[in-house]
C-alpha atoms as a PDB file:
ATOM      1  CA  MET A   1      22.016  34.869  17.751  1.00  0.00           C
ATOM      2  CA  SER A   2      24.871  37.344  17.581  1.00  0.00           C
ATOM      3  CA  TRP A   3      26.509  38.653  20.730  1.00  0.00           C
ATOM      4  CA  HIS A   4      25.124  42.010  21.871  1.00  0.00           C
ATOM      5  CA  SER A   5      26.645  43.776  24.845  1.00  0.00           C
ATOM      6  CA  ALA A   6      24.519  43.431  27.960  1.00  0.00           C
ATOM      7  CA  GLU A   7      24.804  44.451  31.579  1.00  0.00           C
ATOM      8  CA  ASP A   8      26.257  41.720  33.736  1.00  0.00           C
ATOM      9  CA  PRO A   9      23.659  39.667  35.628  1.00  0.00           C
ATOM     10  CA  ILE A  10      23.293  40.505  39.298  1.00  0.00           C
ATOM     11  CA  PRO A  11      23.702  37.969  42.118  1.00  0.00           C
ATOM     12  CA  GLY A  12      20.500  36.964  43.869  1.00  0.00           C
ATOM     13  CA  ASP A  13      19.549  36.851  47.540  1.00  0.00           C
ATOM     14  CA  HIS A  14      21.118  34.509  50.050  1.00  0.00           C
ATOM     15  CA  PHE A  15      19.351  31.178  50.414  1.00  0.00           C
ATOM     16  CA  SER A  16      19.286  28.345  52.899  1.00  0.00           C
ATOM     17  CA  CYS A  17      19.750  25.422  50.498  1.00  0.00           C
ATOM     18  CA  ASP A  18      23.408  24.324  50.586  1.00  0.00           C
ATOM     19  CA  ALA A  19      23.027  22.616  47.205  1.00  0.00           C
ATOM     20  CA  ILE A  20      22.722  25.977  45.417  1.00  0.00           C
ATOM     21  CA  LYS A  21      26.140  27.367  44.634  1.00  0.00           C
ATOM     22  CA  THR A  22      25.114  30.523  42.774  1.00  0.00           C
ATOM     23  CA  LEU A  23      21.904  32.366  41.942  1.00  0.00           C
ATOM     24  CA  ILE A  24      22.074  34.601  38.869  1.00  0.00           C
ATOM     25  CA  VAL A  25      19.362  37.115  38.001  1.00  0.00           C
ATOM     26  CA  PRO A  26      19.870  38.229  34.373  1.00  0.00           C
ATOM     27  CA  ARG A  27      19.126  41.832  33.484  1.00  0.00           C
ATOM     28  CA  SER A  28      16.830  42.608  30.583  1.00  0.00           C
ATOM     29  CA  ARG A  29      18.265  44.408  27.566  1.00  0.00           C
ATOM     30  CA  ASP A  30      16.107  45.924  24.855  1.00  0.00           C
ATOM     31  CA  LEU A  31      17.485  45.162  21.390  1.00  0.00           C
ATOM     32  CA  GLY A  32      14.897  47.329  19.661  1.00  0.00           C
ATOM     33  CA  SER A  33      12.420  44.783  18.366  1.00  0.00           C
ATOM     34  CA  PHE A  34      12.732  42.398  21.322  1.00  0.00           C
ATOM     35  CA  ALA A  35      14.403  42.002  24.713  1.00  0.00           C
ATOM     36  CA  VAL A  36      16.922  39.435  25.959  1.00  0.00           C
ATOM     37  CA  ARG A  37      18.036  38.292  29.406  1.00  0.00           C
ATOM     38  CA  ARG A  38      21.596  36.937  29.485  1.00  0.00           C
ATOM     39  CA  ALA A  39      22.295  34.426  32.248  1.00  0.00           C
ATOM     40  CA  LEU A  40      25.671  33.225  30.921  1.00  0.00           C
ATOM     41  CA  PRO A  41      28.368  34.340  30.978  1.00  0.00           C
ATOM     42  CA  SER A  42      28.332  36.290  34.242  1.00  0.00           C
ATOM     43  CA  THR A  43      30.910  37.307  36.802  1.00  0.00           C
ATOM     44  CA  GLU A  44      29.558  34.665  39.207  1.00  0.00           C
ATOM     45  CA  CYS A  45      29.528  31.803  36.712  1.00  0.00           C
ATOM     46  CA  ARG A  46      31.219  31.714  33.329  1.00  0.00           C
ATOM     47  CA  MET A  47      30.150  28.244  32.179  1.00  0.00           C
ATOM     48  CA  VAL A  48      27.934  25.333  33.199  1.00  0.00           C
ATOM     49  CA  GLY A  49      29.401  22.203  31.627  1.00  0.00           C
ATOM     50  CA  PRO A  50      29.807  23.105  27.940  1.00  0.00           C
ATOM     51  CA  PHE A  51      27.202  25.925  28.117  1.00  0.00           C
ATOM     52  CA  ILE A  52      29.124  29.179  27.635  1.00  0.00           C
ATOM     53  CA  PHE A  53      26.228  31.466  26.628  1.00  0.00           C
ATOM     54  CA  PHE A  54      22.573  31.418  27.651  1.00  0.00           C
ATOM     55  CA  ASP A  55      20.009  34.003  26.526  1.00  0.00           C
ATOM     56  CA  GLN A  56      16.274  34.205  27.107  1.00  0.00           C
ATOM     57  CA  MET A  57      14.617  35.835  24.082  1.00  0.00           C
ATOM     58  CA  GLY A  58      11.385  37.657  24.924  1.00  0.00           C
ATOM     59  CA  PRO A  59       8.595  37.147  25.664  1.00  0.00           C
ATOM     60  CA  SER A  60       7.953  39.794  23.015  1.00  0.00           C
ATOM     61  CA  GLU A  61       5.065  40.697  20.764  1.00  0.00           C
ATOM     62  CA  PHE A  62       5.679  42.048  17.273  1.00  0.00           C
ATOM     63  CA  LEU A  63       3.052  44.319  15.795  1.00  0.00           C
ATOM     64  CA  PHE A  64       2.185  44.555  12.103  1.00  0.00           C
ATOM     65  CA  GLY A  65       5.344  45.046  10.038  1.00  0.00           C
ATOM     66  CA  GLN A  66       7.690  44.270  12.930  1.00  0.00           C
ATOM     67  CA  GLY A  67       9.910  41.286  13.585  1.00  0.00           C
ATOM     68  CA  MET A  68      13.281  39.931  14.574  1.00  0.00           C
ATOM     69  CA  ASP A  69      16.215  40.862  12.335  1.00  0.00           C
ATOM     70  CA  VAL A  70      19.577  39.399  13.332  1.00  0.00           C
ATOM     71  CA  ARG A  71      21.723  40.000  10.246  1.00  0.00           C
ATOM     72  CA  PRO A  72      24.305  37.477   9.017  1.00  0.00           C
ATOM     73  CA  HIS A  73      27.148  37.018  11.483  1.00  0.00           C
ATOM     74  CA  PRO A  74      29.907  34.424  12.022  1.00  0.00           C
ATOM     75  CA  HIS A  75      30.675  31.754  14.622  1.00  0.00           C
ATOM     76  CA  ILE A  76      33.571  29.390  15.331  1.00  0.00           C
ATOM     77  CA  GLY A  77      34.230  26.731  17.975  1.00  0.00           C
ATOM     78  CA  LEU A  78      30.676  26.291  19.243  1.00  0.00           C
ATOM     79  CA  SER A  79      27.197  24.971  18.557  1.00  0.00           C
ATOM     80  CA  THR A  80      24.254  27.355  18.700  1.00  0.00           C
ATOM     81  CA  VAL A  81      21.204  25.732  20.293  1.00  0.00           C
ATOM     82  CA  THR A  82      17.839  27.386  19.572  1.00  0.00           C
ATOM     83  CA  TYR A  83      14.637  26.297  21.320  1.00  0.00           C
ATOM     84  CA  LEU A  84      11.320  28.167  21.308  1.00  0.00           C
ATOM     85  CA  PHE A  85       8.338  28.254  23.670  1.00  0.00           C
ATOM     86  CA  ASP A  86       6.339  30.548  21.374  1.00  0.00           C
ATOM     87  CA  GLY A  87       6.690  32.098  17.913  1.00  0.00           C
ATOM     88  CA  GLU A  88       8.838  31.273  14.924  1.00  0.00           C
ATOM     89  CA  ILE A  89      12.296  32.195  13.584  1.00  0.00           C
ATOM     90  CA  MET A  90      13.564  31.762  10.035  1.00  0.00           C
ATOM     91  CA  HIS A  91      17.102  30.365  10.096  1.00  0.00           C
ATOM     92  CA  ARG A  92      19.449  30.814   7.120  1.00  0.00           C
ATOM     93  CA  ASP A  93      23.121  29.867   6.990  1.00  0.00           C
ATOM     94  CA  SER A  94      26.142  29.652   4.701  1.00  0.00           C
ATOM     95  CA  LEU A  95      25.532  25.927   4.143  1.00  0.00           C
ATOM     96  CA  GLY A  96      22.394  26.881   2.217  1.00  0.00           C
ATOM     97  CA  THR A  97      19.955  25.968   5.005  1.00  0.00           C
ATOM     98  CA  GLU A  98      16.696  27.932   5.034  1.00  0.00           C
ATOM     99  CA  LEU A  99      14.277  26.582   7.614  1.00  0.00           C
ATOM    100  CA  PRO A 100      11.829  27.916  10.225  1.00  0.00           C
ATOM    101  CA  ILE A 101      11.953  26.750  13.817  1.00  0.00           C
ATOM    102  CA  ARG A 102       8.758  26.517  15.873  1.00  0.00           C
ATOM    103  CA  PRO A 103       7.941  25.670  19.525  1.00  0.00           C
ATOM    104  CA  GLY A 104       9.189  22.288  20.727  1.00  0.00           C
ATOM    105  CA  GLU A 105      11.605  21.950  17.810  1.00  0.00           C
ATOM    106  CA  LEU A 106      15.384  22.241  17.970  1.00  0.00           C
ATOM    107  CA  ASN A 107      17.969  23.916  15.765  1.00  0.00           C
ATOM    108  CA  TRP A 108      21.503  22.679  16.472  1.00  0.00           C
ATOM    109  CA  MET A 109      24.072  24.514  14.353  1.00  0.00           C
ATOM    110  CA  THR A 110      27.695  23.477  14.768  1.00  0.00           C
ATOM    111  CA  ALA A 111      30.082  26.228  13.698  1.00  0.00           C
ATOM    112  CA  GLY A 112      33.284  24.180  13.893  1.00  0.00           C
ATOM    113  CA  ARG A 113      35.920  25.986  11.820  1.00  0.00           C
ATOM    114  CA  GLY A 114      33.428  28.621  10.719  1.00  0.00           C
ATOM    115  CA  ILE A 115      29.834  29.323   9.670  1.00  0.00           C
ATOM    116  CA  THR A 116      27.669  32.372   8.986  1.00  0.00           C
ATOM    117  CA  HIS A 117      23.934  32.587   9.721  1.00  0.00           C
ATOM    118  CA  SER A 118      21.014  34.960  10.147  1.00  0.00           C
ATOM    119  CA  GLU A 119      17.801  34.818  12.184  1.00  0.00           C
ATOM    120  CA  ARG A 120      14.735  36.746  11.080  1.00  0.00           C
ATOM    121  CA  THR A 121      10.963  36.865  11.282  1.00  0.00           C
ATOM    122  CA  ALA A 122       9.418  35.576   8.043  1.00  0.00           C
ATOM    123  CA  PRO A 123       7.612  38.141   5.817  1.00  0.00           C
ATOM    124  CA  THR A 124       4.283  36.317   6.198  1.00  0.00           C
ATOM    125  CA  LEU A 125       4.397  36.728   9.985  1.00  0.00           C
ATOM    126  CA  ARG A 126       5.220  40.428   9.675  1.00  0.00           C
ATOM    127  CA  GLN A 127       1.932  40.898   7.846  1.00  0.00           C
ATOM    128  CA  SER A 128      -0.116  39.607  10.768  1.00  0.00           C
ATOM    129  CA  GLY A 129       2.011  40.249  13.847  1.00  0.00           C
ATOM    130  CA  SER A 130       3.631  37.523  15.945  1.00  0.00           C
ATOM    131  CA  ARG A 131       5.173  36.635  19.292  1.00  0.00           C
ATOM    132  CA  LEU A 132       8.603  35.366  20.305  1.00  0.00           C
ATOM    133  CA  PHE A 133       9.702  33.560  23.455  1.00  0.00           C
ATOM    134  CA  GLY A 134      12.568  31.105  23.701  1.00  0.00           C
ATOM    135  CA  ILE A 135      16.126  30.271  24.664  1.00  0.00           C
ATOM    136  CA  GLN A 136      19.301  30.422  22.662  1.00  0.00           C
ATOM    137  CA  SER A 137      22.416  28.899  24.171  1.00  0.00           C
ATOM    138  CA  TRP A 138      25.935  28.281  22.910  1.00  0.00           C
ATOM    139  CA  VAL A 139      27.700  25.014  23.666  1.00  0.00           C
ATOM    140  CA  ALA A 140      31.490  25.036  23.435  1.00  0.00           C
ATOM    141  CA  LEU A 141      33.043  22.290  21.329  1.00  0.00           C
ATOM    142  CA  THR A 142      35.762  19.976  22.584  1.00  0.00           C
ATOM    143  CA  ASP A 143      39.328  20.300  21.335  1.00  0.00           C
ATOM    144  CA  ARG A 144      38.608  17.382  18.998  1.00  0.00           C
ATOM    145  CA  ASP A 145      35.689  19.164  17.318  1.00  0.00           C
ATOM    146  CA  GLU A 146      36.697  22.826  17.368  1.00  0.00           C
ATOM    147  CA  GLU A 147      37.906  22.734  13.763  1.00  0.00           C
ATOM    148  CA  SER A 148      35.309  20.278  12.447  1.00  0.00           C
ATOM    149  CA  ALA A 149      33.283  20.974   9.319  1.00  0.00           C
ATOM    150  CA  PRO A 150      30.285  23.232   9.969  1.00  0.00           C
ATOM    151  CA  ALA A 151      26.918  21.472  10.139  1.00  0.00           C
ATOM    152  CA  PHE A 152      23.258  22.175  10.780  1.00  0.00           C
ATOM    153  CA  GLU A 153      20.680  19.782  12.208  1.00  0.00           C
ATOM    154  CA  HIS A 154      16.991  20.409  12.772  1.00  0.00           C
ATOM    155  CA  TYR A 155      14.911  18.142  15.001  1.00  0.00           C
ATOM    156  CA  ASP A 156      11.123  18.171  14.848  1.00  0.00           C
ATOM    157  CA  ALA A 157       9.273  18.183  18.153  1.00  0.00           C
ATOM    158  CA  ALA A 158       8.276  14.540  17.646  1.00  0.00           C
ATOM    159  CA  ALA A 159      11.951  13.521  17.450  1.00  0.00           C
ATOM    160  CA  LEU A 160      12.728  14.624  21.004  1.00  0.00           C
ATOM    161  CA  PRO A 161      11.706  12.284  23.866  1.00  0.00           C
ATOM    162  CA  VAL A 162       8.848  13.521  26.065  1.00  0.00           C
ATOM    163  CA  LEU A 163       8.220  12.013  29.509  1.00  0.00           C
ATOM    164  CA  THR A 164       4.933  12.633  31.312  1.00  0.00           C
ATOM    165  CA  GLY A 165       3.323  11.643  34.587  1.00  0.00           C
ATOM    166  CA  GLU A 166       2.698  12.811  38.155  1.00  0.00           C
ATOM    167  CA  GLY A 167       2.185  16.384  36.990  1.00  0.00           C
ATOM    168  CA  LYS A 168       5.458  16.485  35.055  1.00  0.00           C
ATOM    169  CA  THR A 169       6.175  16.972  31.356  1.00  0.00           C
ATOM    170  CA  VAL A 170       9.856  16.726  30.406  1.00  0.00           C
ATOM    171  CA  ARG A 171      11.145  17.170  26.853  1.00  0.00           C
ATOM    172  CA  LEU A 172      14.722  15.891  26.676  1.00  0.00           C
ATOM    173  CA  ILE A 173      16.490  18.159  24.192  1.00  0.00           C
ATOM    174  CA  ALA A 174      20.013  16.735  24.438  1.00  0.00           C
ATOM    175  CA  GLY A 175      21.886  14.104  26.410  1.00  0.00           C
ATOM    176  CA  GLU A 176      20.629  11.309  28.636  1.00  0.00           C
ATOM    177  CA  ALA A 177      18.453  11.837  31.717  1.00  0.00           C
ATOM    178  CA  PHE A 178      15.259  10.700  33.440  1.00  0.00           C
ATOM    179  CA  GLY A 179      15.612   7.264  31.840  1.00  0.00           C
ATOM    180  CA  ALA A 180      15.600   8.617  28.275  1.00  0.00           C
ATOM    181  CA  ARG A 181      18.167   9.477  25.627  1.00  0.00           C
ATOM    182  CA  SER A 182      17.940  12.284  23.072  1.00  0.00           C
ATOM    183  CA  PRO A 183      18.919  11.582  19.447  1.00  0.00           C
ATOM    184  CA  VAL A 184      20.844  14.872  19.276  1.00  0.00           C
ATOM    185  CA  ARG A 185      24.567  14.425  18.621  1.00  0.00           C
ATOM    186  CA  THR A 186      26.728  16.414  21.042  1.00  0.00           C
ATOM    187  CA  SER A 187      30.450  17.098  21.265  1.00  0.00           C
ATOM    188  CA  SER A 188      30.677  16.230  24.969  1.00  0.00           C
ATOM    189  CA  PRO A 189      28.514  14.575  27.669  1.00  0.00           C
ATOM    190  CA  MET A 190      25.710  16.950  28.664  1.00  0.00           C
ATOM    191  CA  VAL A 191      22.025  17.297  29.512  1.00  0.00           C
ATOM    192  CA  TYR A 192      19.481  19.849  28.314  1.00  0.00           C
ATOM    193  CA  ALA A 193      15.753  19.578  28.996  1.00  0.00           C
ATOM    194  CA  ASP A 194      12.547  21.621  28.997  1.00  0.00           C
ATOM    195  CA  VAL A 195      10.488  20.882  32.134  1.00  0.00           C
ATOM    196  CA  ALA A 196       6.878  21.850  32.875  1.00  0.00           C
ATOM    197  CA  LEU A 197       5.435  21.103  36.319  1.00  0.00           C
ATOM    198  CA  GLU A 198       1.891  21.376  37.585  1.00  0.00           C
ATOM    199  CA  ALA A 199       1.450  23.001  40.995  1.00  0.00           C
ATOM    200  CA  GLY A 200       2.715  20.597  43.666  1.00  0.00           C
ATOM    201  CA  ALA A 201       4.632  18.363  41.253  1.00  0.00           C
ATOM    202  CA  VAL A 202       8.245  17.483  42.084  1.00  0.00           C
ATOM    203  CA  LEU A 203      11.193  16.758  39.775  1.00  0.00           C
ATOM    204  CA  PRO A 204      14.284  15.064  41.283  1.00  0.00           C
ATOM    205  CA  LEU A 205      17.651  15.964  39.742  1.00  0.00           C
ATOM    206  CA  ASP A 206      20.389  13.368  40.154  1.00  0.00           C
ATOM    207  CA  PRO A 207      24.047  14.462  40.443  1.00  0.00           C
ATOM    208  CA  THR A 208      24.954  12.871  37.116  1.00  0.00           C
ATOM    209  CA  TYR A 209      27.268  15.756  36.197  1.00  0.00           C
ATOM    210  CA  ASP A 210      29.438  17.960  38.405  1.00  0.00           C
ATOM    211  CA  GLU A 211      28.151  21.092  36.678  1.00  0.00           C
ATOM    212  CA  ARG A 212      24.344  21.521  36.670  1.00  0.00           C
ATOM    213  CA  ALA A 213      21.857  24.357  36.701  1.00  0.00           C
ATOM    214  CA  ILE A 214      18.232  25.191  36.037  1.00  0.00           C
ATOM    215  CA  TYR A 215      16.862  28.330  34.426  1.00  0.00           C
ATOM    216  CA  THR A 216      13.338  29.320  35.458  1.00  0.00           C
ATOM    217  CA  SER A 217      11.271  30.642  32.550  1.00  0.00           C
ATOM    218  CA  ALA A 218       7.758  30.783  34.060  1.00  0.00           C
ATOM    219  CA  GLY A 219       5.903  30.230  37.318  1.00  0.00           C
ATOM    220  CA  ALA A 220       7.395  29.597  40.749  1.00  0.00           C
ATOM    221  CA  ILE A 221       9.415  26.751  42.261  1.00  0.00           C
ATOM    222  CA  GLU A 222      10.779  25.766  45.649  1.00  0.00           C
ATOM    223  CA  ILE A 223      14.020  23.994  46.557  1.00  0.00           C
ATOM    224  CA  ALA A 224      14.576  23.004  50.203  1.00  0.00           C
ATOM    225  CA  GLY A 225      12.230  25.758  51.378  1.00  0.00           C
ATOM    226  CA  ASP A 226      13.656  28.553  49.217  1.00  0.00           C
ATOM    227  CA  GLY A 227      11.355  30.014  46.565  1.00  0.00           C
ATOM    228  CA  PHE A 228      12.346  31.200  43.109  1.00  0.00           C
ATOM    229  CA  GLY A 229      10.424  33.027  40.395  1.00  0.00           C
ATOM    230  CA  PRO A 230      10.945  33.266  36.627  1.00  0.00           C
ATOM    231  CA  GLY A 231      14.101  34.566  34.985  1.00  0.00           C
ATOM    232  CA  GLN A 232      16.701  33.107  37.379  1.00  0.00           C
ATOM    233  CA  LEU A 233      19.645  30.751  36.841  1.00  0.00           C
ATOM    234  CA  LEU A 234      20.306  28.423  39.792  1.00  0.00           C
ATOM    235  CA  VAL A 235      23.740  26.805  39.643  1.00  0.00           C
ATOM    236  CA  PHE A 236      24.112  23.728  41.870  1.00  0.00           C
ATOM    237  CA  ARG A 237      27.057  22.346  43.767  1.00  0.00           C
ATOM    238  CA  PRO A 238      28.335  18.940  42.610  1.00  0.00           C
ATOM    239  CA  GLY A 239      27.249  15.752  44.313  1.00  0.00           C
ATOM    240  CA  ASP A 240      23.831  16.643  45.731  1.00  0.00           C
ATOM    241  CA  ARG A 241      20.504  15.146  44.675  1.00  0.00           C
ATOM    242  CA  ILE A 242      18.025  17.990  44.369  1.00  0.00           C
ATOM    243  CA  SER A 243      14.219  18.085  44.313  1.00  0.00           C
ATOM    244  CA  VAL A 244      12.461  20.934  42.518  1.00  0.00           C
ATOM    245  CA  ARG A 245       8.837  21.480  43.552  1.00  0.00           C
ATOM    246  CA  ALA A 246       6.410  23.755  41.725  1.00  0.00           C
ATOM    247  CA  THR A 247       4.432  26.043  44.057  1.00  0.00           C
ATOM    248  CA  GLU A 248       2.365  27.073  41.021  1.00  0.00           C
ATOM    249  CA  PRO A 249       2.471  25.878  37.401  1.00  0.00           C
ATOM    250  CA  ALA A 250       6.120  26.324  36.412  1.00  0.00           C
ATOM    251  CA  ARG A 251       8.513  25.843  33.521  1.00  0.00           C
ATOM    252  CA  PHE A 252      12.297  25.672  33.604  1.00  0.00           C
ATOM    253  CA  MET A 253      15.294  24.443  31.630  1.00  0.00           C
ATOM    254  CA  VAL A 254      17.724  21.874  33.019  1.00  0.00           C
ATOM    255  CA  LEU A 255      21.291  22.251  31.733  1.00  0.00           C
ATOM    256  CA  GLY A 256      24.664  20.825  32.578  1.00  0.00           C
ATOM    257  CA  GLY A 257      27.490  18.517  31.661  1.00  0.00           C
ATOM    258  CA  GLU A 258      31.053  17.548  32.331  1.00  0.00           C
ATOM    259  CA  PRO A 259      33.579  20.380  32.755  1.00  0.00           C
ATOM    260  CA  MET A 260      35.278  21.310  29.491  1.00  0.00           C
ATOM    261  CA  ASP A 261      38.567  19.713  28.503  1.00  0.00           C
ATOM    262  CA  GLY A 262      40.394  22.998  29.063  1.00  0.00           C
ATOM    263  CA  PRO A 263      39.849  26.749  29.246  1.00  0.00           C
ATOM    264  CA  ARG A 264      37.830  28.515  26.546  1.00  0.00           C
ATOM    265  CA  HIS A 265      38.283  32.024  25.204  1.00  0.00           C
ATOM    266  CA  LEU A 266      35.189  33.999  24.180  1.00  0.00           C
ATOM    267  CA  TRP A 267      35.119  37.109  22.017  1.00  0.00           C
ATOM    268  CA  TRP A 268      31.951  38.348  20.286  1.00  0.00           C
ATOM    269  CA  ASN A 269      30.572  35.254  18.481  1.00  0.00           C
ATOM    270  CA  PHE A 270      33.824  33.286  18.591  1.00  0.00           C
ATOM    271  CA  VAL A 271      34.836  30.540  21.054  1.00  0.00           C
ATOM    272  CA  SER A 272      38.162  28.727  21.037  1.00  0.00           C
ATOM    273  CA  SER A 273      40.714  27.039  23.268  1.00  0.00           C
ATOM    274  CA  ARG A 274      43.346  29.206  21.543  1.00  0.00           C
ATOM    275  CA  PRO A 275      43.338  33.031  21.579  1.00  0.00           C
ATOM    276  CA  GLU A 276      45.278  33.107  18.311  1.00  0.00           C
ATOM    277  CA  ARG A 277      42.409  31.246  16.627  1.00  0.00           C
ATOM    278  CA  ILE A 278      40.008  33.978  17.689  1.00  0.00           C
ATOM    279  CA  ALA A 279      42.392  36.588  16.274  1.00  0.00           C
ATOM    280  CA  GLN A 280      42.367  34.701  12.973  1.00  0.00           C
ATOM    281  CA  ALA A 281      38.549  34.540  12.941  1.00  0.00           C
ATOM    282  CA  LYS A 282      38.328  38.288  13.564  1.00  0.00           C
ATOM    283  CA  GLU A 283      40.582  38.988  10.599  1.00  0.00           C
ATOM    284  CA  ASP A 284      38.719  36.482   8.411  1.00  0.00           C
ATOM    285  CA  TRP A 285      35.399  38.246   9.097  1.00  0.00           C
ATOM    286  CA  ARG A 286      36.951  41.673   8.611  1.00  0.00           C
ATOM    287  CA  GLN A 287      38.368  40.598   5.235  1.00  0.00           C
ATOM    288  CA  GLY A 288      35.190  38.833   4.083  1.00  0.00           C
ATOM    289  CA  ARG A 289      36.685  35.332   4.066  1.00  0.00           C
ATOM    290  CA  PHE A 290      33.759  33.593   5.790  1.00  0.00           C
ATOM    291  CA  ASP A 291      31.199  31.955   3.511  1.00  0.00           C
ATOM    292  CA  THR A 292      28.109  34.102   2.998  1.00  0.00           C
ATOM    293  CA  VAL A 293      24.412  33.381   3.534  1.00  0.00           C
ATOM    294  CA  PRO A 294      22.571  32.942   0.201  1.00  0.00           C
ATOM    295  CA  ASN A 295      19.858  35.552  -0.427  1.00  0.00           C
ATOM    296  CA  ASP A 296      20.842  37.576   2.643  1.00  0.00           C
ATOM    297  CA  ALA A 297      23.418  40.186   1.644  1.00  0.00           C
ATOM    298  CA  GLU A 298      23.486  42.185   4.886  1.00  0.00           C
ATOM    299  CA  PHE A 299      25.996  41.478   7.638  1.00  0.00           C
ATOM    300  CA  ILE A 300      26.948  42.599  11.138  1.00  0.00           C
ATOM    301  CA  PRO A 301      30.316  44.411  11.087  1.00  0.00           C
ATOM    302  CA  LEU A 302      33.122  43.333  13.386  1.00  0.00           C
ATOM    303  CA  PRO A 303      32.693  45.238  16.681  1.00  0.00           C
ATOM    304  CA  GLU A 304      35.319  47.236  18.501  1.00  0.00           C
ATOM    305  CA  ASP A 305      38.272  45.240  19.739  1.00  0.00           C
ATOM    306  CA  PRO A 306      38.061  44.332  23.446  1.00  0.00           C
ATOM    307  CA  GLN A 307      40.328  41.551  24.658  1.00  0.00           C
ATOM    308  CA  PRO A 308      38.991  37.976  24.585  1.00  0.00           C
ATOM    309  CA  VAL A 309      37.760  36.631  27.925  1.00  0.00           C
ATOM    310  CA  ARG A 310      39.174  33.337  29.172  1.00  0.00           C
ATOM    311  CA  TYR A 311      36.865  30.819  30.905  1.00  0.00           C
ATOM    312  CA  PRO A 312      37.478  29.636  33.512  1.00  0.00           C
END
């Protein structure tokens, strides 16, 4: 996904649970063919562990002839993490990858020193109409990996651990949690999971990492007597064990990790610990020095030149 400007998320209501540090309610932005809700970054919370960007895509329905068209665009210093609840996206990148992603699967693209990619709806789906609902997040790379070689890894749904029981279904996307370990290689310690709860089911969240959050994608949950609906990011304080109870069938993402090894600068699709590296990436894209995506000649031009934002 390429960065599109969006209104800053608004803070939520006050709540009684001391374990909740911040409640973020992302605003919806119509990108023409589909809508996104951006939870990170926001003025209340810039990062959660290595997560520096978090977008909900859809839910959207494409009619005949319509689809998603995110033209080729560049990234540095991050991994894009794409996970779908519904629909399909065709991923292409400058490494020569051309692969669809479907619900329950994972695309983990590490930009490192630089990569270009596009995300589109396949022509066959445009002929019949389709739906799209999912999450794309960006995970900042450590200093050690910022200038690594670009890479792309796809994980089938069967490759990701799934834990079931007591009304809970947890797919562990990345990291180690709930007694399971994901095979996904990450740059820093983190956790990322897709959780579905039946009404009345409870999921305990241990304080494994200082920076943790959940993003509600469907249904309703309760934490210490406070209720929350879909489309909200709940950022927790460090050190507390939290229980999430579903008051109706619910689905949410668990995300978190250790704080980054230093501040990160974010501008457009570029993340780096060094502002001068972002300036170099801007000039490289402007001058056409990034590798191109085979069989996809379009590209997104460099936007106007606001100053990079430093996190934290």
